[in-house]
Each structure stands twice: as structure tokens, then as C-alpha cells.
PDB file of N, CA and C in Angstrom:
ATOM      1  N   UNK A   1     230.062 286.435  45.864  1.00  0.00           N
ATOM      2  CA  UNK A   1     229.874 287.802  46.569  1.00  0.00           C
ATOM      3  C   UNK A   1     229.255 288.759  45.503  1.00  0.00           C
ATOM      4  N   UNK A   2     227.616 289.068  45.512  1.00  0.00           N
ATOM      5  CA  UNK A   2     227.228 289.889  44.685  1.00  0.00           C
ATOM      6  C   UNK A   2     227.306 291.256  45.111  1.00  0.00           C
ATOM      7  N   UNK A   3     228.465 291.630  44.157  1.00  0.00           N
ATOM      8  CA  UNK A   3     228.382 293.033  44.419  1.00  0.00           C
ATOM      9  C   UNK A   3     228.275 293.837  43.123  1.00  0.00           C
ATOM     10  N   UNK A   4     227.681 293.729  42.560  1.00  0.00           N
ATOM     11  CA  UNK A   4     226.887 294.043  41.055  1.00  0.00           C
ATOM     12  C   UNK A   4     225.958 295.407  41.319  1.00  0.00           C
ATOM     13  N   UNK A   5     226.119 296.344  42.246  1.00  0.00           N
ATOM     14  CA  UNK A   5     225.292 297.570  41.778  1.00  0.00           C
ATOM     15  C   UNK A   5     225.392 298.211  40.645  1.00  0.00           C
ATOM     16  N   UNK A   6     224.655 298.682  39.692  1.00  0.00           N
ATOM     17  CA  UNK A   6     224.339 298.933  38.619  1.00  0.00           C
ATOM     18  C   UNK A   6     224.911 298.780  37.169  1.00  0.00           C
ATOM     19  N   UNK A   7     224.989 297.329  37.557  1.00  0.00           N
ATOM     20  CA  UNK A   7     225.471 296.475  36.045  1.00  0.00           C
ATOM     21  C   UNK A   7     224.420 296.972  35.235  1.00  0.00           C
ATOM     22  N   UNK A   8     224.619 297.458  33.687  1.00  0.00           N
ATOM     23  CA  UNK A   8     223.743 297.761  32.812  1.00  0.00           C
ATOM     24  C   UNK A   8     223.800 296.378  31.535  1.00  0.00           C
ATOM     25  N   UNK A   9     222.383 295.417  32.224  1.00  0.00           N
ATOM     26  CA  UNK A   9     222.873 294.623  30.913  1.00  0.00           C
ATOM     27  C   UNK A   9     222.597 294.890  29.520  1.00  0.00           C
ATOM     28  N   UNK A  10     222.727 296.209  28.967  1.00  0.00           N
ATOM     29  CA  UNK A  10     222.658 296.203  27.774  1.00  0.00           C
ATOM     30  C   UNK A  10     224.462 296.102  27.490  1.00  0.00           C
ATOM     31  N   UNK A  11     225.381 296.191  27.972  1.00  0.00           N
ATOM     32  CA  UNK A  11     226.643 295.828  27.977  1.00  0.00           C
ATOM     33  C   UNK A  11     227.065 294.531  27.560  1.00  0.00           C
ATOM     34  N   UNK A  12     226.368 293.329  27.661  1.00  0.00           N
ATOM     35  CA  UNK A  12     226.376 291.879  27.188  1.00  0.00           C
ATOM     36  C   UNK A  12     226.049 292.073  25.785  1.00  0.00           C
ATOM     37  N   UNK A  13     225.359 293.125  24.909  1.00  0.00           N
ATOM     38  CA  UNK A  13     225.655 293.556  23.809  1.00  0.00           C
ATOM     39  C   UNK A  13     226.856 293.210  22.579  1.00  0.00           C
ATOM     40  N   UNK A  14     227.967 294.725  23.786  1.00  0.00           N
ATOM     41  CA  UNK A  14     229.222 294.624  23.291  1.00  0.00           C
ATOM     42  C   UNK A  14     230.110 293.770  23.761  1.00  0.00           C
ATOM     43  N   UNK A  15     229.888 292.955  25.295  1.00  0.00           N
ATOM     44  CA  UNK A  15     231.248 291.893  25.782  1.00  0.00           C
ATOM     45  C   UNK A  15     231.048 290.774  25.229  1.00  0.00           C
ATOM     46  N   UNK A  16     232.330 290.181  24.803  1.00  0.00           N
ATOM     47  CA  UNK A  16     232.098 289.098  24.560  1.00  0.00           C
ATOM     48  C   UNK A  16     233.780 288.676  25.545  1.00  0.00           C
ATOM     49  N   UNK A  17     233.766 287.295  24.980  1.00  0.00           N
ATOM     50  CA  UNK A  17     234.600 286.589  25.889  1.00  0.00           C
ATOM     51  C   UNK A  17     235.771 286.674  25.258  1.00  0.00           C
ATOM     52  N   UNK A  18     236.783 287.038  26.136  1.00  0.00           N
ATOM     53  CA  UNK A  18     238.241 287.293  25.726  1.00  0.00           C
ATOM     54  C   UNK A  18     239.052 286.264  25.305  1.00  0.00           C
ATOM     55  N   UNK A  19     238.898 285.241  25.552  1.00  0.00           N
ATOM     56  CA  UNK A  19     239.563 283.933  25.467  1.00  0.00           C
ATOM     57  C   UNK A  19     238.389 283.734  23.651  1.00  0.00           C
ATOM     58  N   UNK A  20     237.461 282.820  23.648  1.00  0.00           N
ATOM     59  CA  UNK A  20     236.725 282.304  22.455  1.00  0.00           C
ATOM     60  C   UNK A  20     236.591 283.645  21.941  1.00  0.00           C
ATOM     61  N   UNK A  21     235.836 284.649  21.776  1.00  0.00           N
ATOM     62  CA  UNK A  21     235.163 285.730  21.636  1.00  0.00           C
ATOM     63  C   UNK A  21     233.403 285.384  21.217  1.00  0.00           C
ATOM     64  N   UNK A  22     233.009 284.577  21.995  1.00  0.00           N
ATOM     65  CA  UNK A  22     231.711 283.979  22.135  1.00  0.00           C
ATOM     66  C   UNK A  22     231.125 284.547  23.022  1.00  0.00           C
ATOM     67  N   UNK A  23     229.767 284.848  22.822  1.00  0.00           N
ATOM     68  CA  UNK A  23     228.749 285.857  23.892  1.00  0.00           C
ATOM     69  C   UNK A  23     228.858 285.341  25.640  1.00  0.00           C
ATOM     70  N   UNK A  24     228.463 286.221  26.268  1.00  0.00           N
ATOM     71  CA  UNK A  24     228.366 285.716  27.601  1.00  0.00           C
ATOM     72  C   UNK A  24     226.972 285.936  28.262  1.00  0.00           C
ATOM     73  N   UNK A  25     226.820 285.036  29.174  1.00  0.00           N
ATOM     74  CA  UNK A  25     225.542 285.232  29.901  1.00  0.00           C
ATOM     75  C   UNK A  25     225.624 285.881  31.476  1.00  0.00           C
ATOM     76  N   UNK A  26     224.437 286.664  31.798  1.00  0.00           N
ATOM     77  CA  UNK A  26     224.838 287.677  32.818  1.00  0.00           C
ATOM     78  C   UNK A  26     223.830 286.554  33.969  1.00  0.00           C
ATOM     79  N   UNK A  27     224.999 285.939  35.046  1.00  0.00           N
ATOM     80  CA  UNK A  27     224.305 285.583  36.213  1.00  0.00           C
ATOM     81  C   UNK A  27     224.225 286.320  37.386  1.00  0.00           C
ATOM     82  N   UNK A  28     223.326 287.065  37.327  1.00  0.00           N
ATOM     83  CA  UNK A  28     222.622 287.832  38.432  1.00  0.00           C
ATOM     84  C   UNK A  28     223.315 287.416  39.949  1.00  0.00           C
ATOM     85  N   UNK A  29     222.258 286.454  40.010  1.00  0.00           N
ATOM     86  CA  UNK A  29     222.837 285.431  41.802  1.00  0.00           C
ATOM     87  C   UNK A  29     224.152 285.624  41.743  1.00  0.00           C
ATOM     88  N   UNK A  30     225.172 284.914  41.173  1.00  0.00           N
ATOM     89  CA  UNK A  30     226.674 285.215  41.254  1.00  0.00           C
ATOM     90  C   UNK A  30     227.236 286.394  41.438  1.00  0.00           C
ATOM     91  N   UNK A  31     226.577 287.236  40.154  1.00  0.00           N
ATOM     92  CA  UNK A  31     227.338 288.445  39.746  1.00  0.00           C
ATOM     93  C   UNK A  31     228.393 288.316  38.943  1.00  0.00           C
ATOM     94  N   UNK A  32     228.304 287.106  38.217  1.00  0.00           N
ATOM     95  CA  UNK A  32     229.201 286.802  36.567  1.00  0.00           C
ATOM     96  C   UNK A  32     228.733 287.396  35.585  1.00  0.00           C
ATOM     97  N   UNK A  33     229.787 287.235  34.495  1.00  0.00           N
ATOM     98  CA  UNK A  33     229.681 287.157  33.070  1.00  0.00           C
ATOM     99  C   UNK A  33     229.924 285.594  32.828  1.00  0.00           C
ATOM    100  N   UNK A  34     229.203 284.945  32.359  1.00  0.00           N
ATOM    101  CA  UNK A  34     229.892 283.347  32.275  1.00  0.00           C
ATOM    102  C   UNK A  34     230.148 283.446  30.874  1.00  0.00           C
ATOM    103  N   UNK A  35     231.054 282.583  30.550  1.00  0.00           N
ATOM    104  CA  UNK A  35     231.546 282.153  29.014  1.00  0.00           C
ATOM    105  C   UNK A  35     231.223 280.837  28.802  1.00  0.00           C
ATOM    106  N   UNK A  36     230.059 280.566  28.390  1.00  0.00           N
ATOM    107  CA  UNK A  36     230.250 278.565  28.312  1.00  0.00           C
ATOM    108  C   UNK A  36     231.310 278.279  27.757  1.00  0.00           C
ATOM    109  N   UNK A  37     231.054 278.587  26.629  1.00  0.00           N
ATOM    110  CA  UNK A  37     232.391 278.421  25.676  1.00  0.00           C
ATOM    111  C   UNK A  37     233.719 277.994  26.199  1.00  0.00           C
ATOM    112  N   UNK A  38     234.158 278.480  27.027  1.00  0.00           N
ATOM    113  CA  UNK A  38     235.494 278.891  27.532  1.00  0.00           C
ATOM    114  C   UNK A  38     235.756 278.396  28.870  1.00  0.00           C
ATOM    115  N   UNK A  39     234.328 277.998  29.565  1.00  0.00           N
ATOM    116  CA  UNK A  39     234.501 277.712  30.792  1.00  0.00           C
ATOM    117  C   UNK A  39     234.696 278.457  31.772  1.00  0.00           C
ATOM    118  N   UNK A  40     234.354 279.560  31.960  1.00  0.00           N
ATOM    119  CA  UNK A  40     235.084 280.489  32.704  1.00  0.00           C
ATOM    120  C   UNK A  40     234.053 281.464  33.376  1.00  0.00           C
ATOM    121  N   UNK A  41     234.226 281.985  34.526  1.00  0.00           N
ATOM    122  CA  UNK A  41     232.840 282.749  35.165  1.00  0.00           C
ATOM    123  C   UNK A  41     233.589 284.436  35.005  1.00  0.00           C
ATOM    124  N   UNK A  42     232.998 285.533  34.780  1.00  0.00           N
ATOM    125  CA  UNK A  42     234.087 286.681  34.933  1.00  0.00           C
ATOM    126  C   UNK A  42     233.632 287.305  36.139  1.00  0.00           C
ATOM    127  N   UNK A  43     234.339 287.929  37.227  1.00  0.00           N
ATOM    128  CA  UNK A  43     232.993 288.971  37.903  1.00  0.00           C
ATOM    129  C   UNK A  43     232.662 290.264  37.895  1.00  0.00           C
ATOM    130  N   UNK A  44     231.745 290.433  38.333  1.00  0.00           N
ATOM    131  CA  UNK A  44     230.993 291.526  38.254  1.00  0.00           C
ATOM    132  C   UNK A  44     231.465 292.681  39.974  1.00  0.00           C
ATOM    133  N   UNK A  45     232.383 293.683  39.626  1.00  0.00           N
ATOM    134  CA  UNK A  45     232.725 294.275  40.479  1.00  0.00           C
ATOM    135  C   UNK A  45     232.358 295.760  40.695  1.00  0.00           C
ATOM    136  N   UNK A  46     231.418 296.335  41.409  1.00  0.00           N
ATOM    137  CA  UNK A  46     230.968 297.486  41.543  1.00  0.00           C
ATOM    138  C   UNK A  46     230.115 298.116  40.367  1.00  0.00           C
ATOM    139  N   UNK A  47     229.537 296.674  39.442  1.00  0.00           N
ATOM    140  CA  UNK A  47     228.886 296.974  38.552  1.00  0.00           C
ATOM    141  C   UNK A  47     229.929 296.871  37.367  1.00  0.00           C
ATOM    142  N   UNK A  48     231.050 296.806  37.640  1.00  0.00           N
ATOM    143  CA  UNK A  48     231.938 296.675  36.385  1.00  0.00           C
ATOM    144  C   UNK A  48     232.421 295.136  36.175  1.00  0.00           C
ATOM    145  N   UNK A  49     232.875 295.113  34.966  1.00  0.00           N
ATOM    146  CA  UNK A  49     233.020 293.714  34.792  1.00  0.00           C
ATOM    147  C   UNK A  49     234.156 293.792  34.339  1.00  0.00           C
ATOM    148  N   UNK A  50     235.184 292.345  34.916  1.00  0.00           N
ATOM    149  CA  UNK A  50     236.481 292.666  35.159  1.00  0.00           C
ATOM    150  C   UNK A  50     236.784 291.336  34.320  1.00  0.00           C
ATOM    151  N   UNK A  51     237.381 291.428  33.058  1.00  0.00           N
ATOM    152  CA  UNK A  51     237.071 291.071  31.882  1.00  0.00           C
ATOM    153  C   UNK A  51     238.295 290.074  31.652  1.00  0.00           C
ATOM    154  N   UNK A  52     239.167 289.811  32.580  1.00  0.00           N
ATOM    155  CA  UNK A  52     240.720 289.590  33.220  1.00  0.00           C
ATOM    156  C   UNK A  52     240.996 287.702  33.141  1.00  0.00           C
ATOM    157  N   UNK A  53     240.972 287.251  32.312  1.00  0.00           N
ATOM    158  CA  UNK A  53     241.268 285.537  32.309  1.00  0.00           C
ATOM    159  C   UNK A  53     241.797 285.667  34.147  1.00  0.00           C
ATOM    160  N   UNK A  54     242.635 285.985  34.577  1.00  0.00           N
ATOM    161  CA  UNK A  54     243.570 285.628  35.384  1.00  0.00           C
ATOM    162  C   UNK A  54     242.433 285.639  36.705  1.00  0.00           C
ATOM    163  N   UNK A  55     241.147 286.819  36.933  1.00  0.00           N
ATOM    164  CA  UNK A  55     240.453 286.753  37.520  1.00  0.00           C
ATOM    165  C   UNK A  55     239.226 286.257  37.578  1.00  0.00           C
ATOM    166  N   UNK A  56     239.038 285.607  36.572  1.00  0.00           N
ATOM    167  CA  UNK A  56     238.036 284.342  35.924  1.00  0.00           C
ATOM    168  C   UNK A  56     238.142 283.186  36.713  1.00  0.00           C
ATOM    169  N   UNK A  57     236.802 282.826  36.968  1.00  0.00           N
ATOM    170  CA  UNK A  57     236.964 281.497  37.733  1.00  0.00           C
ATOM    171  C   UNK A  57     236.394 280.263  36.938  1.00  0.00           C
ATOM    172  N   UNK A  58     237.160 279.431  36.825  1.00  0.00           N
ATOM    173  CA  UNK A  58     236.955 278.111  36.056  1.00  0.00           C
ATOM    174  C   UNK A  58     235.430 277.499  36.878  1.00  0.00           C
ATOM    175  N   UNK A  59     234.601 277.202  35.847  1.00  0.00           N
ATOM    176  CA  UNK A  59     233.089 276.535  35.948  1.00  0.00           C
ATOM    177  C   UNK A  59     232.850 275.029  35.457  1.00  0.00           C
ATOM    178  N   UNK A  60     234.440 275.005  35.071  1.00  0.00           N
ATOM    179  CA  UNK A  60     234.220 273.489  34.317  1.00  0.00           C
ATOM    180  C   UNK A  60     235.580 272.807  34.193  1.00  0.00           C
ATOM    181  N   UNK A  61     235.946 271.582  34.336  1.00  0.00           N
ATOM    182  CA  UNK A  61     237.157 270.704  34.404  1.00  0.00           C
ATOM    183  C   UNK A  61     237.521 270.871  32.828  1.00  0.00           C
ATOM    184  N   UNK A  62     238.653 270.990  32.727  1.00  0.00           N
ATOM    185  CA  UNK A  62     238.937 270.723  30.511  1.00  0.00           C
ATOM    186  C   UNK A  62     238.854 269.472  30.847  1.00  0.00           C
TER     187      UNK A  62
END
């Protein structure tokens, strides 16, 4: 679901992964912020990143 109207890419400068504190990558097509270090994708809803581990999607098997 790509309901990311108004997401400000400048937010990426301030946001980090809540698990690893690593930088995030914005995936516009999926409407998610990706933490490669943690293997998690955090959804963006109505332009707001949801940085809760319980809301994140795993992008790799550990």
C-alpha cells in the first residue's frame, strides 16, 4: 500500500532504525523506510513513518 502523500525526504536525515540506529533507505514504490541492517521495512502512512518494530515487515530471514 503506498499511501505516502506528503512524505518529506528530509526526514531521512533525522530518522534512524529504532533497532540498530543505522540509516534508513526510502522505498517510494512500497511506501516504506528500509533498514538493511535490521532487515526491516517500516511503513509510511499518510506521510508519517511508523517506526514501531511491531508494525515493521521483515525483509529477510535471520
